[in-house]
Amino acid sequence: MSRLIRAVIDKHALRHNLSVIRARAGRARVIAVVKANAYGHGLASTALAVEDADALAVARLEEGLALRAAGVGGRIVLLEGVFTPAQLEDAADERLDLVVHDRLQIELLERAAAAQRFALWMKVDTGMNRLGFATADAAAALARIRRLAPRELRLMTHLACANERDDEVTRAQLQRFRAVSGVLECELSIANSAGLLGDVPTGCHWVRPGLALYGASPFEDRSATQLGLQPVMTLTSSVIAVRRVPRGEAVGYGGAWIARRDSLIAIVAAGYGDGVHRSCASGTPVLIEARRAPLVGRVSMDMIAVDVTELPPVHVGSDVVLWGAGLPVEEVARHAGTVPYELLCSVSQRVPLELR
């Protein structure tokens, strides 16, 4: 119990998932998305474990600089691009690829006359309505970028509903993107994890897996195991107390759960201060000594309560899995009313990462 809670990161599972992605991608090259601290898995360590991917993607300049400082030498794509001359110069010095999604970013490159130093990815908005040039403006934007003579130039878009397999929105987005890209003669990047593993063929040159890389499914109706993926993070902790709670007594803040029988309750060192969402309702599954038991009451900052009445004897120090090996993070996310992305990214800084 020297470490009550920890996130065990399985590098072999990470590499396995990359191999599954490569097999699915065919001839397309793979951009491993490691933004947001590699979805909570550790930015530098994850990047180094998948450095044989064709590129890495982060959201912001600071993440790219951190990867270079950690010794990552390969292609790094800044998905949000840069916004000031100083950021542009830093990106040039560290050989970072830039996504260009706004006319102000084109103007920044024009004023700096530095585009020749970059590989650029122009983003087209095909229906996400978040970042990117409208399809009607894409040809003019691309012409301006081409006049800058960048070292490389590619096109990308982002799919809004690819997790809903065989979705008409995805088909419409692809149709819009083909109408633009078909006459522009550039390499294309379209597919995120859901786009890559779903039923609508995207047919792009570069894929951008994020969630699948970490061994979770982007789909409601298809598990990670069915997709051939392995969980990379196992969030694990220990029992720190076992209490007998008489029938009719309440457990936790607000008395939100009341024992319907004489119960045995294990208190686990894990709470919303660690990344276990407060929205995890009573009944959310937890593994104690590899056996399922339900969370009861409200998640507090440092602890949760688990009803272990039906389990073999549980004691202080018993091993607990919050999600990961044996308990898919997608399942826990459903009980929390959220998505696995959020649970993984919410693991807090006080939780040590243990690489294996």
Protein backbone atom coordinates (compact mmCIF):
# COMPACT_ATOMS: atom_id res chain seq x y z
CA MET A 1 0.00 0.00 0.00
CA SER A 2 2.94 2.36 -0.54
CA ARG A 3 0.91 3.88 -3.37
CA LEU A 4 -2.78 3.87 -2.59
CA ILE A 5 -3.86 4.93 -6.06
CA ARG A 6 -1.91 4.76 -9.29
CA ALA A 7 -2.48 4.58 -13.02
CA VAL A 8 -0.67 1.58 -14.42
CA ILE A 9 0.29 2.21 -18.05
CA ASP A 10 0.87 -0.87 -20.19
CA LYS A 11 3.28 0.07 -22.97
CA HIS A 12 2.88 -3.35 -24.60
CA ALA A 13 -0.88 -2.74 -24.92
CA LEU A 14 -0.14 0.68 -26.40
CA ARG A 15 2.10 -0.82 -29.07
CA HIS A 16 -0.41 -3.61 -29.70
CA ASN A 17 -3.15 -1.05 -30.33
CA LEU A 18 -0.90 0.83 -32.72
CA SER A 19 -0.38 -2.40 -34.66
CA VAL A 20 -4.16 -2.96 -34.83
CA ILE A 21 -4.59 0.59 -36.10
CA ARG A 22 -1.88 0.12 -38.73
CA ALA A 23 -3.53 -3.06 -39.97
CA ARG A 24 -6.87 -1.27 -40.25
CA ALA A 25 -5.31 1.80 -41.89
CA GLY A 26 -3.78 -0.20 -44.74
CA ARG A 27 -1.53 2.08 -46.77
CA ALA A 28 -2.54 5.20 -44.84
CA ARG A 29 0.03 6.66 -42.47
CA VAL A 30 -0.73 6.99 -38.78
CA ILE A 31 -0.72 10.19 -36.71
CA ALA A 32 -0.84 9.11 -33.06
CA VAL A 33 -2.79 11.71 -31.10
CA VAL A 34 -1.08 12.38 -27.77
CA LYS A 35 -2.68 15.70 -26.80
CA ALA A 36 -4.03 16.35 -23.30
CA ASN A 37 -1.17 14.51 -21.62
CA ALA A 38 -1.78 11.59 -24.00
CA TYR A 39 -5.37 11.31 -22.78
CA GLY A 40 -4.05 11.11 -19.22
CA HIS A 41 -1.46 8.43 -19.98
CA GLY A 42 1.65 10.66 -19.80
CA LEU A 43 2.68 12.84 -22.72
CA ALA A 44 6.39 12.12 -23.09
CA SER A 45 6.35 8.45 -22.11
CA THR A 46 3.46 7.69 -24.46
CA ALA A 47 5.05 9.58 -27.34
CA LEU A 48 8.32 7.73 -26.89
CA ALA A 49 6.48 4.39 -26.75
CA VAL A 50 4.78 5.04 -30.12
CA GLU A 51 7.56 7.03 -31.76
CA ASP A 52 7.46 4.62 -34.71
CA ALA A 53 4.09 6.13 -35.68
CA ASP A 54 4.41 8.28 -38.78
CA ALA A 55 3.63 11.42 -36.77
CA LEU A 56 2.38 12.59 -33.40
CA ALA A 57 -0.39 15.14 -32.88
CA VAL A 58 -0.88 17.59 -30.03
CA ALA A 59 -3.32 20.44 -29.60
CA ARG A 60 -1.02 23.26 -28.57
CA LEU A 61 2.48 24.60 -28.91
CA GLU A 62 3.42 23.90 -25.29
CA GLU A 63 2.76 20.21 -25.80
CA GLY A 64 4.91 20.12 -28.91
CA LEU A 65 7.77 21.90 -27.15
CA ALA A 66 7.52 19.46 -24.24
CA LEU A 67 7.87 16.55 -26.64
CA ARG A 68 10.96 18.04 -28.26
CA ALA A 69 12.45 18.64 -24.80
CA ALA A 70 11.80 14.97 -24.00
CA GLY A 71 13.83 13.91 -27.03
CA VAL A 72 11.06 13.18 -29.53
CA GLY A 73 12.56 13.83 -32.93
CA GLY A 74 9.83 12.82 -35.37
CA ARG A 75 6.99 14.74 -37.01
CA ILE A 76 4.73 16.59 -34.57
CA VAL A 77 1.50 18.23 -35.77
CA LEU A 78 -0.05 21.17 -33.87
CA LEU A 79 -3.77 20.61 -34.35
CA GLU A 80 -4.76 24.14 -33.30
CA GLY A 81 -1.82 25.80 -35.03
CA VAL A 82 -0.21 28.99 -33.68
CA PHE A 83 -1.51 32.51 -33.14
CA THR A 84 1.40 34.94 -32.57
CA PRO A 85 4.75 35.69 -34.26
CA ALA A 86 6.60 34.37 -31.21
CA GLN A 87 4.70 31.08 -31.35
CA LEU A 88 5.37 30.85 -35.07
CA GLU A 89 9.10 31.29 -34.51
CA ASP A 90 9.14 28.65 -31.75
CA ALA A 91 7.27 26.23 -34.00
CA ALA A 92 9.75 26.86 -36.82
CA ASP A 93 12.75 26.38 -34.53
CA GLU A 94 11.39 23.05 -33.29
CA ARG A 95 10.28 21.82 -36.75
CA LEU A 96 6.61 21.47 -35.83
CA ASP A 97 3.91 20.95 -38.46
CA LEU A 98 1.13 23.53 -38.33
CA VAL A 99 -2.58 23.14 -38.93
CA VAL A 100 -3.95 26.31 -40.58
CA HIS A 101 -7.66 26.77 -40.01
CA ASP A 102 -8.24 30.54 -40.08
CA ARG A 103 -7.38 33.45 -42.36
CA LEU A 104 -5.56 35.17 -39.48
CA GLN A 105 -3.12 32.26 -39.43
CA ILE A 106 -2.51 32.69 -43.15
CA GLU A 107 -1.85 36.38 -42.57
CA LEU A 108 0.58 35.51 -39.78
CA LEU A 109 2.55 33.32 -42.17
CA GLU A 110 2.43 35.97 -44.91
CA ARG A 111 3.81 38.66 -42.62
CA ALA A 112 6.53 36.40 -41.26
CA ALA A 113 7.57 35.02 -44.66
CA ALA A 114 8.36 31.80 -42.84
CA ALA A 115 6.01 29.37 -44.55
CA GLN A 116 8.85 27.76 -46.50
CA ARG A 117 10.09 26.30 -43.22
CA PHE A 118 6.85 24.48 -42.46
CA ALA A 119 4.82 21.46 -43.35
CA LEU A 120 1.28 22.83 -43.27
CA TRP A 121 -2.08 21.10 -42.93
CA MET A 122 -5.04 23.19 -44.10
CA LYS A 123 -8.23 22.34 -42.24
CA VAL A 124 -11.59 22.39 -43.99
CA ASP A 125 -14.83 22.63 -42.00
CA THR A 126 -17.24 20.10 -43.46
CA GLY A 127 -19.89 20.26 -40.73
CA MET A 128 -18.21 20.16 -37.31
CA ASN A 129 -18.48 23.98 -37.20
CA ARG A 130 -15.55 24.30 -34.85
CA LEU A 131 -12.31 24.94 -36.74
CA GLY A 132 -11.53 25.14 -40.43
CA PHE A 133 -12.25 27.04 -43.62
CA ALA A 134 -15.78 26.81 -44.98
CA THR A 135 -15.96 24.62 -48.06
CA ALA A 136 -16.89 27.67 -50.16
CA ASP A 137 -13.70 29.44 -49.03
CA ALA A 138 -11.34 26.48 -49.16
CA ALA A 139 -10.03 26.94 -52.71
CA ALA A 140 -9.17 30.61 -52.13
CA ALA A 141 -7.51 29.82 -48.80
CA LEU A 142 -5.48 27.04 -50.35
CA ALA A 143 -4.35 29.32 -53.17
CA ARG A 144 -3.03 31.85 -50.64
CA ILE A 145 -1.22 29.14 -48.73
CA ARG A 146 0.32 27.71 -51.88
CA ARG A 147 1.72 31.12 -52.79
CA LEU A 148 3.69 30.95 -49.55
CA ALA A 149 5.50 27.88 -50.92
CA PRO A 150 5.41 25.76 -47.74
CA ARG A 151 7.73 22.80 -47.52
CA GLU A 152 4.72 20.44 -47.55
CA LEU A 153 0.97 20.96 -47.78
CA ARG A 154 -1.92 18.63 -46.92
CA LEU A 155 -5.67 18.92 -46.30
CA MET A 156 -7.66 17.70 -43.30
CA THR A 157 -11.14 17.72 -41.84
CA HIS A 158 -12.74 16.38 -38.68
CA LEU A 159 -15.75 14.08 -38.40
CA ALA A 160 -18.49 15.07 -35.96
CA CYS A 161 -20.53 11.86 -35.74
CA ALA A 162 -18.25 9.03 -36.82
CA ASN A 163 -18.87 7.24 -33.51
CA GLU A 164 -22.41 6.67 -34.77
CA ARG A 165 -21.47 4.00 -37.25
CA ASP A 166 -22.85 4.24 -40.80
CA ASP A 167 -24.08 7.74 -39.99
CA GLU A 168 -25.54 9.99 -42.68
CA VAL A 169 -23.82 13.04 -41.18
CA THR A 170 -20.45 11.37 -41.76
CA ARG A 171 -21.38 10.53 -45.34
CA ALA A 172 -22.43 14.13 -45.97
CA GLN A 173 -19.17 15.44 -44.47
CA LEU A 174 -17.14 13.12 -46.67
CA GLN A 175 -19.10 14.20 -49.73
CA ARG A 176 -18.40 17.87 -48.96
CA PHE A 177 -14.72 17.17 -48.37
CA ARG A 178 -14.39 15.19 -51.62
CA ALA A 179 -16.01 18.03 -53.53
CA VAL A 180 -13.29 20.34 -52.24
CA SER A 181 -10.28 18.04 -52.14
CA GLY A 182 -10.96 16.28 -55.41
CA VAL A 183 -9.74 19.26 -57.39
CA LEU A 184 -6.94 20.34 -55.04
CA GLU A 185 -4.57 17.38 -55.42
CA CYS A 186 -3.28 17.12 -51.84
CA GLU A 187 -2.81 14.29 -49.40
CA LEU A 188 -5.79 14.02 -47.05
CA SER A 189 -6.33 13.34 -43.36
CA ILE A 190 -9.88 12.54 -42.29
CA ALA A 191 -10.28 9.55 -40.00
CA ASN A 192 -10.21 9.77 -36.22
CA SER A 193 -10.56 6.53 -34.20
CA ALA A 194 -14.24 6.20 -35.02
CA GLY A 195 -13.72 7.10 -38.65
CA LEU A 196 -10.96 4.53 -38.95
CA LEU A 197 -12.77 1.68 -37.18
CA GLY A 198 -16.33 2.44 -38.33
CA ASP A 199 -18.39 1.32 -41.26
CA VAL A 200 -18.12 4.42 -43.45
CA PRO A 201 -14.96 4.22 -45.61
CA THR A 202 -12.96 7.44 -45.49
CA GLY A 203 -10.18 6.58 -47.92
CA CYS A 204 -7.57 9.04 -46.68
CA HIS A 205 -3.76 9.13 -46.74
CA TRP A 206 -3.31 9.92 -43.03
CA VAL A 207 -5.40 8.68 -40.07
CA ARG A 208 -5.49 10.33 -36.63
CA PRO A 209 -6.35 7.76 -33.92
CA GLY A 210 -6.68 8.96 -30.38
CA LEU A 211 -9.03 6.95 -28.16
CA ALA A 212 -8.37 3.65 -29.96
CA LEU A 213 -4.65 4.04 -29.34
CA TYR A 214 -5.38 3.86 -25.62
CA GLY A 215 -7.51 0.75 -25.91
CA ALA A 216 -11.04 2.12 -25.64
CA SER A 217 -13.89 1.89 -28.11
CA PRO A 218 -15.45 5.04 -29.60
CA PHE A 219 -18.70 3.14 -30.23
CA GLU A 220 -21.69 2.41 -28.00
CA ASP A 221 -22.38 -0.92 -29.68
CA ARG A 222 -18.90 -2.35 -30.21
CA SER A 223 -16.45 -3.02 -27.40
CA ALA A 224 -12.71 -2.47 -27.43
CA THR A 225 -12.24 -6.24 -27.18
CA GLN A 226 -14.38 -6.73 -30.29
CA LEU A 227 -12.14 -4.22 -32.05
CA GLY A 228 -9.03 -6.12 -30.99
CA LEU A 229 -7.86 -3.36 -28.65
CA GLN A 230 -6.29 -3.69 -25.19
CA PRO A 231 -6.70 -1.19 -22.32
CA VAL A 232 -3.53 0.81 -21.76
CA MET A 233 -4.44 2.44 -18.45
CA THR A 234 -5.58 0.54 -15.38
CA LEU A 235 -6.56 2.92 -12.60
CA THR A 236 -5.98 0.93 -9.45
CA SER A 237 -6.08 1.59 -5.72
CA SER A 238 -6.51 -0.16 -2.38
CA VAL A 239 -9.09 -0.67 0.35
CA ILE A 240 -8.23 1.50 3.36
CA ALA A 241 -11.11 0.50 5.67
CA VAL A 242 -13.90 -2.08 5.93
CA ARG A 243 -17.03 -1.13 7.87
CA ARG A 244 -20.17 -2.94 8.95
CA VAL A 245 -23.21 -0.80 8.20
CA PRO A 246 -26.53 -1.88 9.78
CA ARG A 247 -29.71 -2.01 7.75
CA GLY A 248 -31.26 1.45 7.46
CA GLU A 249 -27.99 3.36 7.95
CA ALA A 250 -26.75 5.83 5.31
CA VAL A 251 -23.32 5.96 3.69
CA GLY A 252 -21.46 9.06 2.53
CA TYR A 253 -22.33 12.71 1.92
CA GLY A 254 -25.99 13.56 1.92
CA GLY A 255 -26.99 10.05 2.96
CA ALA A 256 -27.57 9.32 -0.70
CA TRP A 257 -27.38 5.53 -0.20
CA ILE A 258 -29.13 3.65 2.58
CA ALA A 259 -28.35 0.01 3.39
CA ARG A 260 -31.33 -2.23 2.71
CA ARG A 261 -29.69 -4.99 4.75
CA ASP A 262 -26.80 -5.34 7.14
CA SER A 263 -23.94 -4.58 4.79
CA LEU A 264 -20.17 -4.73 4.57
CA ILE A 265 -18.75 -1.57 3.01
CA ALA A 266 -15.17 -1.19 1.75
CA ILE A 267 -13.72 2.32 1.68
CA VAL A 268 -11.35 2.79 -1.27
CA ALA A 269 -8.67 5.48 -1.65
CA ALA A 270 -10.02 7.04 -4.86
CA GLY A 271 -12.18 10.10 -5.37
CA TYR A 272 -12.89 13.04 -7.61
CA GLY A 273 -9.57 14.52 -6.50
CA ASP A 274 -8.00 11.63 -8.40
CA GLY A 275 -10.28 11.67 -11.43
CA VAL A 276 -13.13 9.38 -10.36
CA HIS A 277 -16.09 11.46 -11.44
CA ARG A 278 -18.56 12.56 -8.81
CA SER A 279 -21.25 11.67 -11.34
CA CYS A 280 -20.44 7.95 -10.91
CA ALA A 281 -23.75 6.77 -9.51
CA SER A 282 -24.47 4.05 -7.01
CA GLY A 283 -24.14 0.78 -8.89
CA THR A 284 -21.07 1.82 -10.87
CA PRO A 285 -18.93 -1.35 -11.04
CA VAL A 286 -15.61 -1.62 -9.23
CA LEU A 287 -13.27 -4.62 -9.13
CA ILE A 288 -12.01 -5.70 -5.71
CA GLU A 289 -9.62 -8.62 -5.85
CA ALA A 290 -10.84 -9.14 -9.45
CA ARG A 291 -14.50 -9.45 -8.38
CA ARG A 292 -17.23 -6.98 -9.27
CA ALA A 293 -18.95 -4.94 -6.60
CA PRO A 294 -21.10 -1.80 -6.77
CA LEU A 295 -20.06 1.68 -5.72
CA VAL A 296 -22.54 3.06 -3.17
CA GLY A 297 -23.24 6.64 -2.15
CA ARG A 298 -21.56 9.73 -3.50
CA VAL A 299 -17.99 9.92 -4.69
CA SER A 300 -16.05 12.19 -2.34
CA MET A 301 -12.76 13.97 -2.96
CA ASP A 302 -10.49 11.17 -1.72
CA MET A 303 -12.67 8.12 -1.21
CA ILE A 304 -15.47 5.95 -2.53
CA ALA A 305 -17.57 3.34 -0.75
CA VAL A 306 -18.18 -0.09 -2.25
CA ASP A 307 -20.69 -2.70 -1.12
CA VAL A 308 -18.69 -5.91 -0.68
CA THR A 309 -21.34 -7.85 1.24
CA GLU A 310 -21.52 -10.54 -1.46
CA LEU A 311 -17.75 -10.86 -1.94
CA PRO A 312 -15.32 -13.22 -0.25
CA PRO A 313 -13.51 -11.55 2.67
CA VAL A 314 -12.18 -8.10 1.80
CA HIS A 315 -9.53 -6.50 3.99
CA VAL A 316 -7.46 -3.36 4.27
CA GLY A 317 -4.96 -3.51 1.42
CA SER A 318 -7.21 -5.45 -1.00
CA ASP A 319 -6.52 -4.49 -4.60
CA VAL A 320 -9.08 -2.35 -6.40
CA VAL A 321 -9.51 -1.57 -10.11
CA LEU A 322 -11.54 1.52 -10.99
CA TRP A 323 -11.19 0.90 -14.73
CA GLY A 324 -8.82 -0.82 -17.12
CA ALA A 325 -7.84 -4.49 -17.20
CA GLY A 326 -11.02 -6.47 -16.50
CA LEU A 327 -13.28 -3.40 -16.34
CA PRO A 328 -13.60 -1.32 -19.54
CA VAL A 329 -13.42 2.42 -19.06
CA GLU A 330 -16.32 2.73 -21.51
CA GLU A 331 -18.56 0.83 -19.08
CA VAL A 332 -17.61 3.07 -16.17
CA ALA A 333 -18.17 6.13 -18.37
CA ARG A 334 -21.73 5.03 -19.12
CA HIS A 335 -22.49 4.86 -15.38
CA ALA A 336 -20.98 8.34 -15.00
CA GLY A 337 -23.05 9.73 -17.85
CA THR A 338 -19.96 10.73 -19.81
CA VAL A 339 -17.51 9.40 -22.40
CA PRO A 340 -14.28 7.44 -21.84
CA TYR A 341 -12.24 10.35 -23.21
CA GLU A 342 -13.25 12.49 -20.23
CA LEU A 343 -12.51 9.85 -17.60
CA LEU A 344 -9.04 9.17 -18.99
CA CYS A 345 -8.18 12.85 -19.35
CA SER A 346 -9.46 13.61 -15.85
CA VAL A 347 -6.89 11.50 -13.99
CA SER A 348 -5.28 14.09 -11.75
CA GLN A 349 -1.67 15.04 -11.25
CA ARG A 350 -1.56 13.50 -7.78
CA VAL A 351 -2.08 10.04 -9.29
CA PRO A 352 1.34 8.57 -10.09
CA LEU A 353 1.82 6.89 -13.47
CA GLU A 354 3.44 3.47 -13.24
CA LEU A 355 4.88 2.32 -16.57
CA ARG A 356 4.99 -1.38 -17.34
